[in-house]
Amino acid sequence: MSILAANSQILSREIYQRYQQQQLWNNGSCLFSPKNSRYFGSDWKDRKWKNKIVRSREWRVQALLPDLSRPSAIEMEPINDSDHLDQILARARQLSQPIIIDWMAAWCRKCIYLKPKLEKLAAEFDTKIKFYYVDVNKVPQALVKRGNISKMPTIQLWKDGEMKEEVIGGHKAWLVTEEVRQMIKKFV
């Protein structure tokens, strides 16, 4: 028997109500197997799906539960003008920490879709890098020229007061977030 649920909390409540047996929680895939059965399942390890055969004497539940000690997303801080950018760059230089700036516009559909994904990425790199955004329609054009922005969304990594690398996000959001992740790993 297998059960799929979009939310792991709903999943755990269902299991508890139905079986009220011992529950084993482990990182990995969501897997249910009845007594003395064999179940062919999958595990996510090292960014690859690994197939495995599971033999179980009892009901076992393995579900990926969120780590509640860390936030799942961190809201990006807006940059309003050049002086504000200078303050952020000075603070980042003191901490010897790079920053990510998402140059976007409120009317840009791809920018709107990308922002929550970048906020999740900000939670992933919470202590190593800070994420900011600039709405190009709400700031002086001198700031936009300073960033040398021609297309949106543009995600730039700044370190030591200068722009080191950028990703222009005109393609799918998951590809852009992977490119940003690789860019961060280069400089962190």
C-alpha atoms as a PDB file:
ATOM      1  CA  MET A   1       0.000   0.000   0.000  1.00  0.00           C
ATOM      2  CA  SER A   2       1.330   3.415  -0.736  1.00  0.00           C
ATOM      3  CA  ILE A   3       0.008   6.839   0.222  1.00  0.00           C
ATOM      4  CA  LEU A   4       0.976  10.164  -1.282  1.00  0.00           C
ATOM      5  CA  ALA A   5       0.422  13.496   0.438  1.00  0.00           C
ATOM      6  CA  ALA A   6       1.515  16.991  -0.553  1.00  0.00           C
ATOM      7  CA  ASN A   7       2.134  18.027   3.035  1.00  0.00           C
ATOM      8  CA  SER A   8       4.192  15.894   5.405  1.00  0.00           C
ATOM      9  CA  GLN A   9       2.159  17.102   8.402  1.00  0.00           C
ATOM     10  CA  ILE A  10      -1.069  15.834   6.833  1.00  0.00           C
ATOM     11  CA  LEU A  11       0.749  12.623   6.072  1.00  0.00           C
ATOM     12  CA  SER A  12       1.859  12.110   9.668  1.00  0.00           C
ATOM     13  CA  ARG A  13      -1.619  12.864  11.014  1.00  0.00           C
ATOM     14  CA  GLU A  14      -3.158  10.299   8.657  1.00  0.00           C
ATOM     15  CA  ILE A  15      -0.667   7.645   9.649  1.00  0.00           C
ATOM     16  CA  TYR A  16      -1.195   8.282  13.339  1.00  0.00           C
ATOM     17  CA  GLN A  17      -4.967   8.136  13.036  1.00  0.00           C
ATOM     18  CA  ARG A  18      -5.003   4.978  10.909  1.00  0.00           C
ATOM     19  CA  TYR A  19      -2.388   2.808  12.493  1.00  0.00           C
ATOM     20  CA  GLN A  20      -1.365   4.360  15.826  1.00  0.00           C
ATOM     21  CA  GLN A  21       1.813   2.355  15.737  1.00  0.00           C
ATOM     22  CA  GLN A  22       5.433   3.239  16.079  1.00  0.00           C
ATOM     23  CA  GLN A  23       6.536   5.805  13.524  1.00  0.00           C
ATOM     24  CA  LEU A  24      10.076   6.055  12.316  1.00  0.00           C
ATOM     25  CA  TRP A  25      11.033   9.381  10.753  1.00  0.00           C
ATOM     26  CA  ASN A  26      14.063   9.596   8.587  1.00  0.00           C
ATOM     27  CA  ASN A  27      15.345  11.914   5.864  1.00  0.00           C
ATOM     28  CA  GLY A  28      14.675  10.502   2.435  1.00  0.00           C
ATOM     29  CA  SER A  29      11.677   9.528   0.408  1.00  0.00           C
ATOM     30  CA  CYS A  30       8.196   8.884   1.696  1.00  0.00           C
ATOM     31  CA  LEU A  31       7.706   5.159   1.948  1.00  0.00           C
ATOM     32  CA  PHE A  32       5.092   2.814   3.417  1.00  0.00           C
ATOM     33  CA  SER A  33       5.435  -0.932   3.489  1.00  0.00           C
ATOM     34  CA  PRO A  34       3.171  -3.461   5.219  1.00  0.00           C
ATOM     35  CA  LYS A  35       4.378  -6.293   7.491  1.00  0.00           C
ATOM     36  CA  ASN A  36       6.660  -8.890   5.939  1.00  0.00           C
ATOM     37  CA  SER A  37       6.542  -7.334   2.510  1.00  0.00           C
ATOM     38  CA  ARG A  38       8.985  -6.140  -0.064  1.00  0.00           C
ATOM     39  CA  TYR A  39       8.630  -2.665  -1.480  1.00  0.00           C
ATOM     40  CA  PHE A  40      10.601  -1.152  -4.295  1.00  0.00           C
ATOM     41  CA  GLY A  41      11.184   2.532  -3.500  1.00  0.00           C
ATOM     42  CA  SER A  42      13.522   5.402  -4.203  1.00  0.00           C
ATOM     43  CA  ASP A  43      15.791   7.558  -2.103  1.00  0.00           C
ATOM     44  CA  TRP A  44      17.202  11.014  -2.848  1.00  0.00           C
ATOM     45  CA  LYS A  45      20.915  11.057  -2.031  1.00  0.00           C
ATOM     46  CA  ASP A  46      23.764  13.122  -3.439  1.00  0.00           C
ATOM     47  CA  ARG A  47      21.322  14.878  -5.804  1.00  0.00           C
ATOM     48  CA  LYS A  48      20.447  11.559  -7.498  1.00  0.00           C
ATOM     49  CA  TRP A  49      17.573   9.128  -7.136  1.00  0.00           C
ATOM     50  CA  LYS A  50      18.822   5.757  -5.900  1.00  0.00           C
ATOM     51  CA  ASN A  51      16.502   2.775  -6.202  1.00  0.00           C
ATOM     52  CA  LYS A  52      16.368   0.331  -3.336  1.00  0.00           C
ATOM     53  CA  ILE A  53      14.427  -2.691  -2.173  1.00  0.00           C
ATOM     54  CA  VAL A  54      12.990  -2.355   1.309  1.00  0.00           C
ATOM     55  CA  ARG A  55      12.171  -5.379   3.439  1.00  0.00           C
ATOM     56  CA  SER A  56      10.071  -4.527   6.439  1.00  0.00           C
ATOM     57  CA  ARG A  57       8.808  -6.496   9.435  1.00  0.00           C
ATOM     58  CA  GLU A  58       6.697  -3.611  10.678  1.00  0.00           C
ATOM     59  CA  TRP A  59       5.024  -0.585   9.258  1.00  0.00           C
ATOM     60  CA  ARG A  60       7.735   1.903   8.600  1.00  0.00           C
ATOM     61  CA  VAL A  61       7.322   5.500   7.668  1.00  0.00           C
ATOM     62  CA  GLN A  62      10.120   7.561   6.223  1.00  0.00           C
ATOM     63  CA  ALA A  63       9.133  11.097   5.418  1.00  0.00           C
ATOM     64  CA  LEU A  64      11.061  14.260   4.792  1.00  0.00           C
ATOM     65  CA  LEU A  65       9.979  16.629   7.527  1.00  0.00           C
ATOM     66  CA  PRO A  66      10.941  20.290   7.421  1.00  0.00           C
ATOM     67  CA  ASP A  67      13.696  21.422   9.767  1.00  0.00           C
ATOM     68  CA  LEU A  68      11.705  23.806  11.948  1.00  0.00           C
ATOM     69  CA  SER A  69      14.818  25.356  13.460  1.00  0.00           C
ATOM     70  CA  ARG A  70      15.624  27.039  10.128  1.00  0.00           C
ATOM     71  CA  PRO A  71      13.260  29.194   8.066  1.00  0.00           C
ATOM     72  CA  SER A  72      12.091  27.813   4.738  1.00  0.00           C
ATOM     73  CA  ALA A  73      12.298  31.242   3.076  1.00  0.00           C
ATOM     74  CA  ILE A  74      13.828  34.586   3.977  1.00  0.00           C
ATOM     75  CA  GLU A  75      12.274  37.724   2.584  1.00  0.00           C
ATOM     76  CA  MET A  76      14.730  39.724   0.508  1.00  0.00           C
ATOM     77  CA  GLU A  77      15.440  43.265   1.649  1.00  0.00           C
ATOM     78  CA  PRO A  78      14.742  46.073  -0.867  1.00  0.00           C
ATOM     79  CA  ILE A  79      17.407  48.543  -2.007  1.00  0.00           C
ATOM     80  CA  ASN A  80      15.935  52.029  -2.482  1.00  0.00           C
ATOM     81  CA  ASP A  81      18.781  54.233  -3.754  1.00  0.00           C
ATOM     82  CA  SER A  82      22.525  54.444  -4.363  1.00  0.00           C
ATOM     83  CA  ASP A  83      23.273  55.527  -0.780  1.00  0.00           C
ATOM     84  CA  HIS A  84      21.455  52.478   0.547  1.00  0.00           C
ATOM     85  CA  LEU A  85      23.462  50.260  -1.838  1.00  0.00           C
ATOM     86  CA  ASP A  86      26.701  51.878  -0.625  1.00  0.00           C
ATOM     87  CA  GLN A  87      25.751  51.123   3.008  1.00  0.00           C
ATOM     88  CA  ILE A  88      24.953  47.498   2.158  1.00  0.00           C
ATOM     89  CA  LEU A  89      28.219  47.071   0.242  1.00  0.00           C
ATOM     90  CA  ALA A  90      30.216  48.617   3.116  1.00  0.00           C
ATOM     91  CA  ARG A  91      28.565  46.268   5.633  1.00  0.00           C
ATOM     92  CA  ALA A  92      29.221  43.281   3.370  1.00  0.00           C
ATOM     93  CA  ARG A  93      32.863  44.321   2.971  1.00  0.00           C
ATOM     94  CA  GLN A  94      33.285  44.518   6.774  1.00  0.00           C
ATOM     95  CA  LEU A  95      31.856  41.021   7.132  1.00  0.00           C
ATOM     96  CA  SER A  96      33.826  39.844   4.050  1.00  0.00           C
ATOM     97  CA  GLN A  97      30.571  38.396   2.804  1.00  0.00           C
ATOM     98  CA  PRO A  98      29.187  38.520  -0.752  1.00  0.00           C
ATOM     99  CA  ILE A  99      25.647  39.694  -1.492  1.00  0.00           C
ATOM    100  CA  ILE A 100      23.094  38.794  -4.143  1.00  0.00           C
ATOM    101  CA  ILE A 101      21.033  41.523  -5.789  1.00  0.00           C
ATOM    102  CA  ASP A 102      17.940  40.632  -7.805  1.00  0.00           C
ATOM    103  CA  TRP A 103      17.176  43.434 -10.271  1.00  0.00           C
ATOM    104  CA  MET A 104      13.493  43.095 -11.088  1.00  0.00           C
ATOM    105  CA  ALA A 105      10.331  44.955 -11.992  1.00  0.00           C
ATOM    106  CA  ALA A 106       6.846  44.600 -10.552  1.00  0.00           C
ATOM    107  CA  TRP A 107       5.370  44.150 -14.056  1.00  0.00           C
ATOM    108  CA  CYS A 108       7.832  41.410 -15.090  1.00  0.00           C
ATOM    109  CA  ARG A 109       6.161  37.994 -14.875  1.00  0.00           C
ATOM    110  CA  LYS A 110       9.432  36.041 -14.741  1.00  0.00           C
ATOM    111  CA  CYS A 111      10.667  38.340 -11.968  1.00  0.00           C
ATOM    112  CA  ILE A 112       7.512  37.671  -9.957  1.00  0.00           C
ATOM    113  CA  TYR A 113       7.889  33.887 -10.354  1.00  0.00           C
ATOM    114  CA  LEU A 114      11.589  33.968  -9.522  1.00  0.00           C
ATOM    115  CA  LYS A 115      11.426  36.028  -6.325  1.00  0.00           C
ATOM    116  CA  PRO A 116       9.938  33.319  -4.022  1.00  0.00           C
ATOM    117  CA  LYS A 117      12.452  30.788  -5.340  1.00  0.00           C
ATOM    118  CA  LEU A 118      15.301  33.164  -4.553  1.00  0.00           C
ATOM    119  CA  GLU A 119      13.855  33.683  -1.069  1.00  0.00           C
ATOM    120  CA  LYS A 120      14.015  29.911  -0.520  1.00  0.00           C
ATOM    121  CA  LEU A 121      17.597  29.974  -1.768  1.00  0.00           C
ATOM    122  CA  ALA A 122      18.288  32.794   0.699  1.00  0.00           C
ATOM    123  CA  ALA A 123      17.144  30.497   3.509  1.00  0.00           C
ATOM    124  CA  GLU A 124      19.472  27.786   2.238  1.00  0.00           C
ATOM    125  CA  PHE A 125      22.511  30.124   2.387  1.00  0.00           C
ATOM    126  CA  ASP A 126      21.227  32.083   5.403  1.00  0.00           C
ATOM    127  CA  THR A 127      24.498  32.627   7.265  1.00  0.00           C
ATOM    128  CA  LYS A 128      26.808  32.846   4.251  1.00  0.00           C
ATOM    129  CA  ILE A 129      25.223  35.425   1.961  1.00  0.00           C
ATOM    130  CA  LYS A 130      22.547  38.143   2.053  1.00  0.00           C
ATOM    131  CA  PHE A 131      19.891  38.584  -0.640  1.00  0.00           C
ATOM    132  CA  TYR A 132      18.489  41.953  -1.757  1.00  0.00           C
ATOM    133  CA  TYR A 133      16.245  43.127  -4.564  1.00  0.00           C
ATOM    134  CA  VAL A 134      15.865  46.324  -6.563  1.00  0.00           C
ATOM    135  CA  ASP A 135      12.591  47.229  -8.265  1.00  0.00           C
ATOM    136  CA  VAL A 136      13.978  49.188 -11.219  1.00  0.00           C
ATOM    137  CA  ASN A 137      10.785  51.251 -11.609  1.00  0.00           C
ATOM    138  CA  LYS A 138      10.882  52.527  -8.019  1.00  0.00           C
ATOM    139  CA  VAL A 139      14.532  53.605  -7.800  1.00  0.00           C
ATOM    140  CA  PRO A 140      16.509  56.395  -9.470  1.00  0.00           C
ATOM    141  CA  GLN A 141      17.859  55.452 -12.889  1.00  0.00           C
ATOM    142  CA  ALA A 142      21.384  56.246 -11.671  1.00  0.00           C
ATOM    143  CA  LEU A 143      21.184  53.108  -9.511  1.00  0.00           C
ATOM    144  CA  VAL A 144      20.023  51.014 -12.470  1.00  0.00           C
ATOM    145  CA  LYS A 145      22.906  52.369 -14.569  1.00  0.00           C
ATOM    146  CA  ARG A 146      25.312  51.613 -11.749  1.00  0.00           C
ATOM    147  CA  GLY A 147      24.214  47.976 -11.885  1.00  0.00           C
ATOM    148  CA  ASN A 148      24.558  48.023 -15.687  1.00  0.00           C
ATOM    149  CA  ILE A 149      21.116  46.430 -16.057  1.00  0.00           C
ATOM    150  CA  SER A 150      19.692  45.895 -19.524  1.00  0.00           C
ATOM    151  CA  LYS A 151      17.396  42.871 -19.027  1.00  0.00           C
ATOM    152  CA  MET A 152      15.249  41.613 -16.196  1.00  0.00           C
ATOM    153  CA  PRO A 153      15.430  39.646 -14.076  1.00  0.00           C
ATOM    154  CA  THR A 154      19.170  39.985 -13.543  1.00  0.00           C
ATOM    155  CA  ILE A 155      20.722  38.397 -10.487  1.00  0.00           C
ATOM    156  CA  GLN A 156      24.159  39.714  -9.574  1.00  0.00           C
ATOM    157  CA  LEU A 157      26.715  38.590  -7.026  1.00  0.00           C
ATOM    158  CA  TRP A 158      28.653  41.498  -5.495  1.00  0.00           C
ATOM    159  CA  LYS A 159      31.796  41.008  -3.450  1.00  0.00           C
ATOM    160  CA  ASP A 160      34.299  43.574  -2.154  1.00  0.00           C
ATOM    161  CA  GLY A 161      32.184  46.430  -3.478  1.00  0.00           C
ATOM    162  CA  GLU A 162      32.041  45.309  -7.100  1.00  0.00           C
ATOM    163  CA  MET A 163      29.926  43.054  -9.236  1.00  0.00           C
ATOM    164  CA  LYS A 164      31.679  39.704  -9.781  1.00  0.00           C
ATOM    165  CA  GLU A 165      29.174  37.609 -11.708  1.00  0.00           C
ATOM    166  CA  GLU A 166      25.592  37.729 -12.957  1.00  0.00           C
ATOM    167  CA  VAL A 167      22.790  35.527 -14.225  1.00  0.00           C
ATOM    168  CA  ILE A 168      20.224  36.971 -16.605  1.00  0.00           C
ATOM    169  CA  GLY A 169      17.032  35.080 -15.909  1.00  0.00           C
ATOM    170  CA  GLY A 170      15.077  34.943 -19.123  1.00  0.00           C
ATOM    171  CA  HIS A 171      14.530  31.174 -18.845  1.00  0.00           C
ATOM    172  CA  LYS A 172      12.808  28.800 -16.425  1.00  0.00           C
ATOM    173  CA  ALA A 173      12.986  29.736 -12.736  1.00  0.00           C
ATOM    174  CA  TRP A 174      14.393  26.394 -11.582  1.00  0.00           C
ATOM    175  CA  LEU A 175      17.263  26.720 -14.067  1.00  0.00           C
ATOM    176  CA  VAL A 176      17.964  30.267 -12.907  1.00  0.00           C
ATOM    177  CA  THR A 177      18.032  29.193  -9.243  1.00  0.00           C
ATOM    178  CA  GLU A 178      20.467  26.385 -10.104  1.00  0.00           C
ATOM    179  CA  GLU A 179      22.723  28.862 -11.924  1.00  0.00           C
ATOM    180  CA  VAL A 180      22.541  31.245  -8.946  1.00  0.00           C
ATOM    181  CA  ARG A 181      23.340  28.359  -6.578  1.00  0.00           C
ATOM    182  CA  GLN A 182      26.432  27.496  -8.650  1.00  0.00           C
ATOM    183  CA  MET A 183      27.451  31.151  -8.731  1.00  0.00           C
ATOM    184  CA  ILE A 184      27.160  31.367  -4.928  1.00  0.00           C
ATOM    185  CA  LYS A 185      29.190  28.205  -4.394  1.00  0.00           C
ATOM    186  CA  LYS A 186      31.994  29.722  -6.477  1.00  0.00           C
ATOM    187  CA  PHE A 187      32.334  32.748  -4.209  1.00  0.00           C
ATOM    188  CA  VAL A 188      31.371  31.401  -0.769  1.00  0.00           C
END
